[in-house]
């Protein structure tokens, strides 16, 4: 074990690798818990203030009515979850929400729309939203579904800093999660975003019924992209009644922490974000995640259509742990 640990420490050097194979990633997952966290925390300290956490706020600017069949998503038209299709929010309302987020301590404001891909006048209004949020002094992020090259160019010109488009899971398990768009579709959107100089926010979801090998496969795909994503959101499934995954078993807490640690080792300079599912995480679990290399959270009452710890709870936890906003 000592020889394996030394080899993996060397493989997780500060140099940014993009040639991980599945066996190497699984070997990281298989390390004794303390050894893995020790290594991940060392890597984290090489590149970040270990007590700083970047805070983002996510607003659903267009809720429900999505034509995709993602088995985890309450916004899909394929499932009866009580989430009704709504119209795109007004630009002034989005700007006001961004202002409130900034006053609550957020530094990045993400706008999410339940679309397969943005079109026409709706896309033009999103461009206005990006400009207005920038004027509020916040970094801008959007998740709008698939993009073509010209849409990515226009978002960049409007001032978009980050684009979120998750891979969700491994290529091997992906077909069990969604059938209405391919893994390659997702990779092509990421390519358009990168090519236009927008930071990539890309991660996945744990608790979809995947195996540890699938979690390793997801991180392998992320780390072997042409550039590591600047932000890597790691979501814990929030089971919603009416979706095919409403009865999915919860992910083991220590397995979730392991995944955070492996992500940190493989993508040492990326922001690793605790995203959906934090309402089900104890303070102790979140503290372990921060030690393992998570250094970003979504902040506020709601994450699209599901609950999220409110700002007061996060502030109290930060005070207990001696953390501060990045």
C-alpha atoms as a PDB file:
ATOM      1  CA  UNK A   1       0.000   0.000   0.000  1.00  0.00           C
ATOM      2  CA  UNK A   2       2.861   2.384   0.792  1.00  0.00           C
ATOM      3  CA  UNK A   3       4.332   1.945  -2.699  1.00  0.00           C
ATOM      4  CA  UNK A   4       0.916   2.500  -4.280  1.00  0.00           C
ATOM      5  CA  UNK A   5       0.377   5.622  -2.160  1.00  0.00           C
ATOM      6  CA  UNK A   6       3.765   7.051  -3.209  1.00  0.00           C
ATOM      7  CA  UNK A   7       3.015   6.373  -6.870  1.00  0.00           C
ATOM      8  CA  UNK A   8      -0.353   8.080  -6.635  1.00  0.00           C
ATOM      9  CA  UNK A   9       1.142  11.054  -4.815  1.00  0.00           C
ATOM     10  CA  UNK A  10       3.559  11.481  -7.693  1.00  0.00           C
ATOM     11  CA  UNK A  11       0.779  11.100 -10.250  1.00  0.00           C
ATOM     12  CA  UNK A  12      -1.175  13.855  -8.476  1.00  0.00           C
ATOM     13  CA  UNK A  13       1.616  16.402  -8.776  1.00  0.00           C
ATOM     14  CA  UNK A  14       0.811  20.086  -9.377  1.00  0.00           C
ATOM     15  CA  UNK A  15       1.213  19.502 -13.136  1.00  0.00           C
ATOM     16  CA  UNK A  16      -2.200  19.395 -14.767  1.00  0.00           C
ATOM     17  CA  UNK A  17      -2.672  15.912 -16.148  1.00  0.00           C
ATOM     18  CA  UNK A  18      -5.167  15.096 -18.882  1.00  0.00           C
ATOM     19  CA  UNK A  19      -4.202  11.467 -19.444  1.00  0.00           C
ATOM     20  CA  UNK A  20      -5.817   9.608 -16.551  1.00  0.00           C
ATOM     21  CA  UNK A  21      -6.849   6.008 -17.132  1.00  0.00           C
ATOM     22  CA  UNK A  22      -9.673   4.255 -15.326  1.00  0.00           C
ATOM     23  CA  UNK A  23      -7.378   2.076 -13.235  1.00  0.00           C
ATOM     24  CA  UNK A  24      -5.536   5.084 -11.817  1.00  0.00           C
ATOM     25  CA  UNK A  25      -8.764   6.809 -10.839  1.00  0.00           C
ATOM     26  CA  UNK A  26     -10.158   3.702  -9.167  1.00  0.00           C
ATOM     27  CA  UNK A  27      -6.866   3.298  -7.291  1.00  0.00           C
ATOM     28  CA  UNK A  28      -7.389   6.766  -5.833  1.00  0.00           C
ATOM     29  CA  UNK A  29     -10.919   5.851  -4.774  1.00  0.00           C
ATOM     30  CA  UNK A  30      -9.588   2.671  -3.157  1.00  0.00           C
ATOM     31  CA  UNK A  31      -7.023   4.414  -0.960  1.00  0.00           C
ATOM     32  CA  UNK A  32      -7.617   4.318   2.800  1.00  0.00           C
ATOM     33  CA  UNK A  33      -9.887   7.241   3.621  1.00  0.00           C
ATOM     34  CA  UNK A  34      -7.290   9.101   5.696  1.00  0.00           C
ATOM     35  CA  UNK A  35      -4.599   8.698   3.026  1.00  0.00           C
ATOM     36  CA  UNK A  36      -6.899   9.995   0.311  1.00  0.00           C
ATOM     37  CA  UNK A  37      -7.999  13.021   2.339  1.00  0.00           C
ATOM     38  CA  UNK A  38      -4.403  13.787   3.339  1.00  0.00           C
ATOM     39  CA  UNK A  39      -3.341  13.785  -0.285  1.00  0.00           C
ATOM     40  CA  UNK A  40      -6.329  15.828  -1.452  1.00  0.00           C
ATOM     41  CA  UNK A  41      -5.826  18.412   1.291  1.00  0.00           C
ATOM     42  CA  UNK A  42      -2.147  18.763   0.382  1.00  0.00           C
ATOM     43  CA  UNK A  43      -3.078  19.392  -3.257  1.00  0.00           C
ATOM     44  CA  UNK A  44      -5.766  21.851  -2.191  1.00  0.00           C
ATOM     45  CA  UNK A  45      -3.291  23.898  -0.134  1.00  0.00           C
ATOM     46  CA  UNK A  46      -0.885  24.078  -3.094  1.00  0.00           C
ATOM     47  CA  UNK A  47      -3.414  26.030  -5.144  1.00  0.00           C
ATOM     48  CA  UNK A  48      -6.005  27.643  -2.857  1.00  0.00           C
ATOM     49  CA  UNK A  49      -6.516  29.302   0.488  1.00  0.00           C
ATOM     50  CA  UNK A  50      -7.832  26.258   2.403  1.00  0.00           C
ATOM     51  CA  UNK A  51     -10.227  28.427   4.430  1.00  0.00           C
ATOM     52  CA  UNK A  52     -11.764  30.358   1.535  1.00  0.00           C
ATOM     53  CA  UNK A  53     -15.015  29.291  -0.134  1.00  0.00           C
ATOM     54  CA  UNK A  54     -16.391  30.906  -3.284  1.00  0.00           C
ATOM     55  CA  UNK A  55     -20.125  31.641  -3.020  1.00  0.00           C
ATOM     56  CA  UNK A  56     -22.502  31.491  -5.978  1.00  0.00           C
ATOM     57  CA  UNK A  57     -26.249  32.022  -6.252  1.00  0.00           C
ATOM     58  CA  UNK A  58     -28.394  30.201  -8.806  1.00  0.00           C
ATOM     59  CA  UNK A  59     -31.692  31.589 -10.102  1.00  0.00           C
ATOM     60  CA  UNK A  60     -34.130  29.684 -12.295  1.00  0.00           C
ATOM     61  CA  UNK A  61     -34.944  32.223 -14.990  1.00  0.00           C
ATOM     62  CA  UNK A  62     -37.203  29.819 -16.893  1.00  0.00           C
ATOM     63  CA  UNK A  63     -38.719  26.932 -14.947  1.00  0.00           C
ATOM     64  CA  UNK A  64     -40.352  23.726 -16.212  1.00  0.00           C
ATOM     65  CA  UNK A  65     -41.435  22.455 -19.599  1.00  0.00           C
ATOM     66  CA  UNK A  66     -38.066  21.002 -20.599  1.00  0.00           C
ATOM     67  CA  UNK A  67     -38.320  18.473 -23.459  1.00  0.00           C
ATOM     68  CA  UNK A  68     -35.350  16.415 -22.226  1.00  0.00           C
ATOM     69  CA  UNK A  69     -35.973  13.173 -20.301  1.00  0.00           C
ATOM     70  CA  UNK A  70     -33.271  13.402 -17.608  1.00  0.00           C
ATOM     71  CA  UNK A  71     -34.484  10.856 -15.063  1.00  0.00           C
ATOM     72  CA  UNK A  72     -33.515  13.040 -12.101  1.00  0.00           C
ATOM     73  CA  UNK A  73     -35.153  16.263 -13.228  1.00  0.00           C
ATOM     74  CA  UNK A  74     -38.524  17.548 -11.971  1.00  0.00           C
ATOM     75  CA  UNK A  75     -38.597  20.119 -14.797  1.00  0.00           C
ATOM     76  CA  UNK A  76     -38.935  17.498 -17.554  1.00  0.00           C
ATOM     77  CA  UNK A  77     -42.254  17.369 -19.430  1.00  0.00           C
ATOM     78  CA  UNK A  78     -41.954  13.568 -19.336  1.00  0.00           C
ATOM     79  CA  UNK A  79     -42.751  13.374 -15.599  1.00  0.00           C
ATOM     80  CA  UNK A  80     -45.610  14.553 -13.392  1.00  0.00           C
ATOM     81  CA  UNK A  81     -43.833  16.335 -10.541  1.00  0.00           C
ATOM     82  CA  UNK A  82     -46.058  19.341  -9.953  1.00  0.00           C
ATOM     83  CA  UNK A  83     -43.586  21.713 -11.591  1.00  0.00           C
ATOM     84  CA  UNK A  84     -45.461  23.790 -14.144  1.00  0.00           C
ATOM     85  CA  UNK A  85     -43.892  25.382 -17.196  1.00  0.00           C
ATOM     86  CA  UNK A  86     -43.301  29.083 -16.664  1.00  0.00           C
ATOM     87  CA  UNK A  87     -42.288  31.954 -18.902  1.00  0.00           C
ATOM     88  CA  UNK A  88     -38.846  33.501 -18.930  1.00  0.00           C
ATOM     89  CA  UNK A  89     -38.390  36.014 -16.121  1.00  0.00           C
ATOM     90  CA  UNK A  90     -38.275  39.745 -16.763  1.00  0.00           C
ATOM     91  CA  UNK A  91     -34.785  41.224 -17.139  1.00  0.00           C
ATOM     92  CA  UNK A  92     -35.388  43.775 -14.360  1.00  0.00           C
ATOM     93  CA  UNK A  93     -36.454  41.013 -11.951  1.00  0.00           C
ATOM     94  CA  UNK A  94     -33.272  39.063 -12.667  1.00  0.00           C
ATOM     95  CA  UNK A  95     -31.139  42.161 -12.095  1.00  0.00           C
ATOM     96  CA  UNK A  96     -32.898  42.743  -8.755  1.00  0.00           C
ATOM     97  CA  UNK A  97     -32.273  39.133  -7.716  1.00  0.00           C
ATOM     98  CA  UNK A  98     -28.595  39.513  -8.613  1.00  0.00           C
ATOM     99  CA  UNK A  99     -28.397  42.646  -6.449  1.00  0.00           C
ATOM    100  CA  UNK A 100     -29.866  40.760  -3.484  1.00  0.00           C
ATOM    101  CA  UNK A 101     -27.434  37.896  -4.044  1.00  0.00           C
ATOM    102  CA  UNK A 102     -24.470  40.273  -4.020  1.00  0.00           C
ATOM    103  CA  UNK A 103     -25.698  41.880  -0.804  1.00  0.00           C
ATOM    104  CA  UNK A 104     -25.957  38.385   0.754  1.00  0.00           C
ATOM    105  CA  UNK A 105     -22.319  37.653  -0.053  1.00  0.00           C
ATOM    106  CA  UNK A 106     -22.425  35.959  -3.449  1.00  0.00           C
ATOM    107  CA  UNK A 107     -19.680  36.729  -5.955  1.00  0.00           C
ATOM    108  CA  UNK A 108     -21.129  34.789  -8.877  1.00  0.00           C
ATOM    109  CA  UNK A 109     -24.698  34.727 -10.181  1.00  0.00           C
ATOM    110  CA  UNK A 110     -25.853  31.793 -12.287  1.00  0.00           C
ATOM    111  CA  UNK A 111     -28.995  31.838 -14.431  1.00  0.00           C
ATOM    112  CA  UNK A 112     -30.614  28.514 -15.275  1.00  0.00           C
ATOM    113  CA  UNK A 113     -33.266  27.871 -17.920  1.00  0.00           C
ATOM    114  CA  UNK A 114     -35.119  24.613 -18.565  1.00  0.00           C
ATOM    115  CA  UNK A 115     -34.465  24.423 -22.305  1.00  0.00           C
ATOM    116  CA  UNK A 116     -32.978  21.906 -24.692  1.00  0.00           C
ATOM    117  CA  UNK A 117     -31.294  24.887 -26.316  1.00  0.00           C
ATOM    118  CA  UNK A 118     -32.054  28.637 -26.247  1.00  0.00           C
ATOM    119  CA  UNK A 119     -33.734  30.251 -29.257  1.00  0.00           C
ATOM    120  CA  UNK A 120     -34.902  33.531 -30.727  1.00  0.00           C
ATOM    121  CA  UNK A 121     -36.143  36.355 -28.555  1.00  0.00           C
ATOM    122  CA  UNK A 122     -35.639  34.320 -25.382  1.00  0.00           C
ATOM    123  CA  UNK A 123     -31.933  34.053 -26.123  1.00  0.00           C
ATOM    124  CA  UNK A 124     -31.734  37.793 -26.791  1.00  0.00           C
ATOM    125  CA  UNK A 125     -33.281  38.468 -23.385  1.00  0.00           C
ATOM    126  CA  UNK A 126     -30.727  36.186 -21.738  1.00  0.00           C
ATOM    127  CA  UNK A 127     -27.978  38.268 -23.341  1.00  0.00           C
ATOM    128  CA  UNK A 128     -29.570  41.352 -21.727  1.00  0.00           C
ATOM    129  CA  UNK A 129     -29.659  39.550 -18.377  1.00  0.00           C
ATOM    130  CA  UNK A 130     -25.965  38.750 -18.593  1.00  0.00           C
ATOM    131  CA  UNK A 131     -25.172  42.396 -19.244  1.00  0.00           C
ATOM    132  CA  UNK A 132     -27.338  43.600 -16.353  1.00  0.00           C
ATOM    133  CA  UNK A 133     -25.891  41.095 -13.869  1.00  0.00           C
ATOM    134  CA  UNK A 134     -22.389  42.203 -14.855  1.00  0.00           C
ATOM    135  CA  UNK A 135     -23.436  45.768 -14.080  1.00  0.00           C
ATOM    136  CA  UNK A 136     -24.309  44.612 -10.548  1.00  0.00           C
ATOM    137  CA  UNK A 137     -20.647  43.719 -10.033  1.00  0.00           C
ATOM    138  CA  UNK A 138     -21.047  39.935 -10.097  1.00  0.00           C
ATOM    139  CA  UNK A 139     -19.419  37.219 -12.150  1.00  0.00           C
ATOM    140  CA  UNK A 140     -21.966  35.781 -14.550  1.00  0.00           C
ATOM    141  CA  UNK A 141     -22.834  32.163 -15.214  1.00  0.00           C
ATOM    142  CA  UNK A 142     -25.585  30.557 -17.283  1.00  0.00           C
ATOM    143  CA  UNK A 143     -26.934  27.078 -17.895  1.00  0.00           C
ATOM    144  CA  UNK A 144     -29.283  27.077 -20.871  1.00  0.00           C
ATOM    145  CA  UNK A 145     -28.878  23.649 -22.449  1.00  0.00           C
ATOM    146  CA  UNK A 146     -26.990  22.998 -25.645  1.00  0.00           C
ATOM    147  CA  UNK A 147     -25.253  25.845 -27.501  1.00  0.00           C
ATOM    148  CA  UNK A 148     -23.916  26.233 -30.998  1.00  0.00           C
ATOM    149  CA  UNK A 149     -20.721  28.136 -31.743  1.00  0.00           C
ATOM    150  CA  UNK A 150     -22.495  31.397 -32.607  1.00  0.00           C
ATOM    151  CA  UNK A 151     -24.546  31.374 -29.405  1.00  0.00           C
ATOM    152  CA  UNK A 152     -21.382  30.850 -27.367  1.00  0.00           C
ATOM    153  CA  UNK A 153     -19.785  33.782 -29.183  1.00  0.00           C
ATOM    154  CA  UNK A 154     -22.745  36.049 -28.412  1.00  0.00           C
ATOM    155  CA  UNK A 155     -22.740  35.062 -24.747  1.00  0.00           C
ATOM    156  CA  UNK A 156     -19.046  35.873 -24.538  1.00  0.00           C
ATOM    157  CA  UNK A 157     -19.613  39.268 -26.147  1.00  0.00           C
ATOM    158  CA  UNK A 158     -22.416  39.972 -23.658  1.00  0.00           C
ATOM    159  CA  UNK A 159     -19.959  39.386 -20.811  1.00  0.00           C
ATOM    160  CA  UNK A 160     -20.651  35.803 -19.711  1.00  0.00           C
ATOM    161  CA  UNK A 161     -17.885  34.517 -17.441  1.00  0.00           C
ATOM    162  CA  UNK A 162     -18.938  30.865 -16.922  1.00  0.00           C
ATOM    163  CA  UNK A 163     -21.169  28.380 -18.721  1.00  0.00           C
ATOM    164  CA  UNK A 164     -22.504  25.357 -16.853  1.00  0.00           C
ATOM    165  CA  UNK A 165     -23.143  22.176 -18.791  1.00  0.00           C
ATOM    166  CA  UNK A 166     -22.725  18.997 -16.765  1.00  0.00           C
ATOM    167  CA  UNK A 167     -21.751  15.574 -18.081  1.00  0.00           C
ATOM    168  CA  UNK A 168     -23.873  14.086 -15.258  1.00  0.00           C
ATOM    169  CA  UNK A 169     -22.182  10.663 -15.125  1.00  0.00           C
ATOM    170  CA  UNK A 170     -19.800   8.349 -16.960  1.00  0.00           C
ATOM    171  CA  UNK A 171     -20.194   7.720 -20.713  1.00  0.00           C
ATOM    172  CA  UNK A 172     -20.944   4.076 -19.918  1.00  0.00           C
ATOM    173  CA  UNK A 173     -23.860   4.839 -17.575  1.00  0.00           C
ATOM    174  CA  UNK A 174     -25.164   7.906 -19.376  1.00  0.00           C
ATOM    175  CA  UNK A 175     -27.813   6.052 -21.401  1.00  0.00           C
ATOM    176  CA  UNK A 176     -29.511   4.997 -18.161  1.00  0.00           C
ATOM    177  CA  UNK A 177     -29.967   8.651 -17.207  1.00  0.00           C
ATOM    178  CA  UNK A 178     -31.004  10.426 -20.408  1.00  0.00           C
ATOM    179  CA  UNK A 179     -31.894   9.402 -23.964  1.00  0.00           C
ATOM    180  CA  UNK A 180     -32.884  12.704 -25.598  1.00  0.00           C
ATOM    181  CA  UNK A 181     -29.343  14.013 -26.012  1.00  0.00           C
ATOM    182  CA  UNK A 182     -26.046  12.210 -26.354  1.00  0.00           C
ATOM    183  CA  UNK A 183     -22.813  12.451 -24.426  1.00  0.00           C
ATOM    184  CA  UNK A 184     -21.233  13.815 -27.589  1.00  0.00           C
ATOM    185  CA  UNK A 185     -23.858  16.584 -27.699  1.00  0.00           C
ATOM    186  CA  UNK A 186     -22.687  17.677 -24.273  1.00  0.00           C
ATOM    187  CA  UNK A 187     -19.010  17.525 -25.235  1.00  0.00           C
ATOM    188  CA  UNK A 188     -19.674  19.641 -28.332  1.00  0.00           C
ATOM    189  CA  UNK A 189     -21.365  22.368 -26.268  1.00  0.00           C
ATOM    190  CA  UNK A 190     -18.342  22.400 -23.945  1.00  0.00           C
ATOM    191  CA  UNK A 191     -16.099  22.732 -26.988  1.00  0.00           C
ATOM    192  CA  UNK A 192     -18.035  25.772 -28.261  1.00  0.00           C
ATOM    193  CA  UNK A 193     -17.826  27.359 -24.810  1.00  0.00           C
ATOM    194  CA  UNK A 194     -14.059  26.788 -24.506  1.00  0.00           C
ATOM    195  CA  UNK A 195     -13.370  27.943 -28.058  1.00  0.00           C
ATOM    196  CA  UNK A 196     -15.042  31.266 -27.296  1.00  0.00           C
ATOM    197  CA  UNK A 197     -13.067  31.911 -24.129  1.00  0.00           C
ATOM    198  CA  UNK A 198     -15.856  31.294 -21.615  1.00  0.00           C
ATOM    199  CA  UNK A 199     -14.919  29.455 -18.423  1.00  0.00           C
ATOM    200  CA  UNK A 200     -16.366  25.953 -18.248  1.00  0.00           C
ATOM    201  CA  UNK A 201     -18.450  24.845 -15.269  1.00  0.00           C
ATOM    202  CA  UNK A 202     -18.944  21.102 -15.625  1.00  0.00           C
ATOM    203  CA  UNK A 203     -19.488  18.269 -13.178  1.00  0.00           C
ATOM    204  CA  UNK A 204     -22.019  15.594 -12.394  1.00  0.00           C
ATOM    205  CA  UNK A 205     -24.521  14.002 -10.037  1.00  0.00           C
ATOM    206  CA  UNK A 206     -24.011  11.254  -7.483  1.00  0.00           C
ATOM    207  CA  UNK A 207     -26.904   8.978  -6.551  1.00  0.00           C
ATOM    208  CA  UNK A 208     -28.289   8.167 -10.003  1.00  0.00           C
ATOM    209  CA  UNK A 209     -27.778   4.444  -9.430  1.00  0.00           C
ATOM    210  CA  UNK A 210     -24.234   4.567 -10.749  1.00  0.00           C
ATOM    211  CA  UNK A 211     -21.353   2.443  -9.485  1.00  0.00           C
ATOM    212  CA  UNK A 212     -18.027   3.625  -8.091  1.00  0.00           C
ATOM    213  CA  UNK A 213     -16.583   2.795 -11.520  1.00  0.00           C
ATOM    214  CA  UNK A 214     -19.065   5.260 -13.032  1.00  0.00           C
ATOM    215  CA  UNK A 215     -18.023   7.961 -10.563  1.00  0.00           C
ATOM    216  CA  UNK A 216     -14.423   7.303 -11.529  1.00  0.00           C
ATOM    217  CA  UNK A 217     -15.423   7.421 -15.202  1.00  0.00           C
ATOM    218  CA  UNK A 218     -17.098  10.803 -14.777  1.00  0.00           C
ATOM    219  CA  UNK A 219     -14.026  12.310 -13.113  1.00  0.00           C
ATOM    220  CA  UNK A 220     -11.788  10.729 -15.758  1.00  0.00           C
ATOM    221  CA  UNK A 221     -13.831  12.401 -18.499  1.00  0.00           C
ATOM    222  CA  UNK A 222     -13.707  15.776 -16.746  1.00  0.00           C
ATOM    223  CA  UNK A 223      -9.988  15.641 -16.016  1.00  0.00           C
ATOM    224  CA  UNK A 224      -9.140  14.476 -19.547  1.00  0.00           C
ATOM    225  CA  UNK A 225     -10.964  17.318 -21.299  1.00  0.00           C
ATOM    226  CA  UNK A 226      -8.663  19.597 -23.363  1.00  0.00           C
ATOM    227  CA  UNK A 227      -8.711  21.943 -20.345  1.00  0.00           C
ATOM    228  CA  UNK A 228      -9.840  21.138 -16.835  1.00  0.00           C
ATOM    229  CA  UNK A 229     -13.190  22.788 -16.108  1.00  0.00           C
ATOM    230  CA  UNK A 230     -12.641  25.979 -14.150  1.00  0.00           C
ATOM    231  CA  UNK A 231     -15.546  24.934 -11.874  1.00  0.00           C
ATOM    232  CA  UNK A 232     -16.577  21.362 -11.072  1.00  0.00           C
ATOM    233  CA  UNK A 233     -20.007  21.128  -9.396  1.00  0.00           C
ATOM    234  CA  UNK A 234     -20.594  17.852  -7.563  1.00  0.00           C
ATOM    235  CA  UNK A 235     -24.290  17.299  -6.946  1.00  0.00           C
ATOM    236  CA  UNK A 236     -25.960  14.822  -4.622  1.00  0.00           C
ATOM    237  CA  UNK A 237     -29.237  13.662  -6.115  1.00  0.00           C
ATOM    238  CA  UNK A 238     -32.306  15.313  -4.668  1.00  0.00           C
ATOM    239  CA  UNK A 239     -34.998  12.688  -5.210  1.00  0.00           C
ATOM    240  CA  UNK A 240     -38.255  14.226  -6.410  1.00  0.00           C
ATOM    241  CA  UNK A 241     -41.582  12.424  -6.397  1.00  0.00           C
ATOM    242  CA  UNK A 242     -42.771  11.740  -9.925  1.00  0.00           C
ATOM    243  CA  UNK A 243     -39.320  11.257 -11.441  1.00  0.00           C
ATOM    244  CA  UNK A 244     -37.962   7.770 -12.227  1.00  0.00           C
ATOM    245  CA  UNK A 245     -35.379   8.252  -9.461  1.00  0.00           C
ATOM    246  CA  UNK A 246     -37.810   9.208  -6.713  1.00  0.00           C
ATOM    247  CA  UNK A 247     -36.869   6.085  -4.719  1.00  0.00           C
ATOM    248  CA  UNK A 248     -33.174   6.071  -5.494  1.00  0.00           C
ATOM    249  CA  UNK A 249     -31.012   5.069  -2.507  1.00  0.00           C
ATOM    250  CA  UNK A 250     -28.930   7.814  -0.935  1.00  0.00           C
ATOM    251  CA  UNK A 251     -25.216   7.980  -1.629  1.00  0.00           C
ATOM    252  CA  UNK A 252     -23.052   6.992   1.319  1.00  0.00           C
ATOM    253  CA  UNK A 253     -21.701  10.175   2.900  1.00  0.00           C
ATOM    254  CA  UNK A 254     -18.103   8.964   3.009  1.00  0.00           C
ATOM    255  CA  UNK A 255     -18.313   7.889  -0.644  1.00  0.00           C
ATOM    256  CA  UNK A 256     -19.432  11.411  -1.509  1.00  0.00           C
ATOM    257  CA  UNK A 257     -16.462  12.842   0.396  1.00  0.00           C
ATOM    258  CA  UNK A 258     -14.157  10.413  -1.414  1.00  0.00           C
ATOM    259  CA  UNK A 259     -15.473  11.693  -4.733  1.00  0.00           C
ATOM    260  CA  UNK A 260     -14.737  15.286  -3.714  1.00  0.00           C
ATOM    261  CA  UNK A 261     -11.202  14.284  -2.697  1.00  0.00           C
ATOM    262  CA  UNK A 262     -10.510  12.427  -5.941  1.00  0.00           C
ATOM    263  CA  UNK A 263     -11.823  15.389  -7.935  1.00  0.00           C
ATOM    264  CA  UNK A 264      -9.445  17.685  -6.062  1.00  0.00           C
ATOM    265  CA  UNK A 265      -6.439  15.425  -6.714  1.00  0.00           C
ATOM    266  CA  UNK A 266      -7.233  15.079 -10.414  1.00  0.00           C
ATOM    267  CA  UNK A 267      -8.200  18.713 -11.051  1.00  0.00           C
ATOM    268  CA  UNK A 268      -5.990  20.623  -8.600  1.00  0.00           C
ATOM    269  CA  UNK A 269      -6.681  24.135  -9.865  1.00  0.00           C
ATOM    270  CA  UNK A 270     -10.440  23.832 -10.412  1.00  0.00           C
ATOM    271  CA  UNK A 271     -13.059  25.191  -8.047  1.00  0.00           C
ATOM    272  CA  UNK A 272     -14.885  22.133  -6.698  1.00  0.00           C
ATOM    273  CA  UNK A 273     -18.432  23.073  -5.761  1.00  0.00           C
ATOM    274  CA  UNK A 274     -20.894  21.476  -3.370  1.00  0.00           C
ATOM    275  CA  UNK A 275     -24.080  21.938  -5.356  1.00  0.00           C
ATOM    276  CA  UNK A 276     -27.480  20.254  -5.131  1.00  0.00           C
ATOM    277  CA  UNK A 277     -28.248  18.075  -2.144  1.00  0.00           C
ATOM    278  CA  UNK A 278     -26.662  20.119   0.625  1.00  0.00           C
ATOM    279  CA  UNK A 279     -29.913  20.156   2.615  1.00  0.00           C
ATOM    280  CA  UNK A 280     -29.368  16.435   3.223  1.00  0.00           C
ATOM    281  CA  UNK A 281     -25.735  16.913   4.294  1.00  0.00           C
ATOM    282  CA  UNK A 282     -24.838  17.297   7.935  1.00  0.00           C
ATOM    283  CA  UNK A 283     -22.474  20.066   8.973  1.00  0.00           C
ATOM    284  CA  UNK A 284     -19.896  17.372   9.680  1.00  0.00           C
ATOM    285  CA  UNK A 285     -20.197  15.956   6.151  1.00  0.00           C
ATOM    286  CA  UNK A 286     -19.800  19.407   4.622  1.00  0.00           C
ATOM    287  CA  UNK A 287     -16.777  20.072   6.841  1.00  0.00           C
ATOM    288  CA  UNK A 288     -15.134  16.887   5.549  1.00  0.00           C
ATOM    289  CA  UNK A 289     -15.898  17.976   1.980  1.00  0.00           C
ATOM    290  CA  UNK A 290     -14.228  21.346   2.581  1.00  0.00           C
ATOM    291  CA  UNK A 291     -11.182  19.581   4.049  1.00  0.00           C
ATOM    292  CA  UNK A 292     -11.109  17.217   1.054  1.00  0.00           C
ATOM    293  CA  UNK A 293     -10.953  20.120  -1.396  1.00  0.00           C
ATOM    294  CA  UNK A 294     -14.432  21.529  -1.962  1.00  0.00           C
ATOM    295  CA  UNK A 295     -14.128  25.316  -2.043  1.00  0.00           C
ATOM    296  CA  UNK A 296     -17.332  26.598  -3.612  1.00  0.00           C
ATOM    297  CA  UNK A 297     -21.026  26.391  -2.757  1.00  0.00           C
ATOM    298  CA  UNK A 298     -24.388  27.513  -4.037  1.00  0.00           C
ATOM    299  CA  UNK A 299     -25.899  29.880  -1.494  1.00  0.00           C
ATOM    300  CA  UNK A 300     -29.570  30.701  -0.944  1.00  0.00           C
ATOM    301  CA  UNK A 301     -32.986  29.243  -0.353  1.00  0.00           C
ATOM    302  CA  UNK A 302     -33.465  27.411  -3.633  1.00  0.00           C
ATOM    303  CA  UNK A 303     -31.405  25.573  -6.223  1.00  0.00           C
ATOM    304  CA  UNK A 304     -33.613  25.768  -9.345  1.00  0.00           C
ATOM    305  CA  UNK A 305     -36.661  23.851  -8.026  1.00  0.00           C
ATOM    306  CA  UNK A 306     -35.265  22.102  -4.947  1.00  0.00           C
ATOM    307  CA  UNK A 307     -34.310  23.350  -1.512  1.00  0.00           C
ATOM    308  CA  UNK A 308     -30.893  24.685  -0.546  1.00  0.00           C
ATOM    309  CA  UNK A 309     -29.477  25.845   2.811  1.00  0.00           C
ATOM    310  CA  UNK A 310     -30.297  29.496   3.362  1.00  0.00           C
ATOM    311  CA  UNK A 311     -27.655  32.155   3.808  1.00  0.00           C
ATOM    312  CA  UNK A 312     -27.940  32.260   7.608  1.00  0.00           C
ATOM    313  CA  UNK A 313     -27.213  28.548   7.954  1.00  0.00           C
ATOM    314  CA  UNK A 314     -24.174  28.882   5.698  1.00  0.00           C
ATOM    315  CA  UNK A 315     -22.879  31.893   7.603  1.00  0.00           C
ATOM    316  CA  UNK A 316     -23.214  30.019  10.887  1.00  0.00           C
ATOM    317  CA  UNK A 317     -21.354  27.006   9.482  1.00  0.00           C
ATOM    318  CA  UNK A 318     -18.600  29.218   8.072  1.00  0.00           C
ATOM    319  CA  UNK A 319     -18.161  30.836  11.489  1.00  0.00           C
ATOM    320  CA  UNK A 320     -17.901  27.456  13.215  1.00  0.00           C
ATOM    321  CA  UNK A 321     -15.285  26.255  10.715  1.00  0.00           C
ATOM    322  CA  UNK A 322     -13.354  29.513  10.422  1.00  0.00           C
ATOM    323  CA  UNK A 323     -14.139  29.817   6.712  1.00  0.00           C
ATOM    324  CA  UNK A 324     -14.570  33.008   4.751  1.00  0.00           C
ATOM    325  CA  UNK A 325     -15.784  34.045   1.313  1.00  0.00           C
ATOM    326  CA  UNK A 326     -13.234  33.776  -1.472  1.00  0.00           C
END
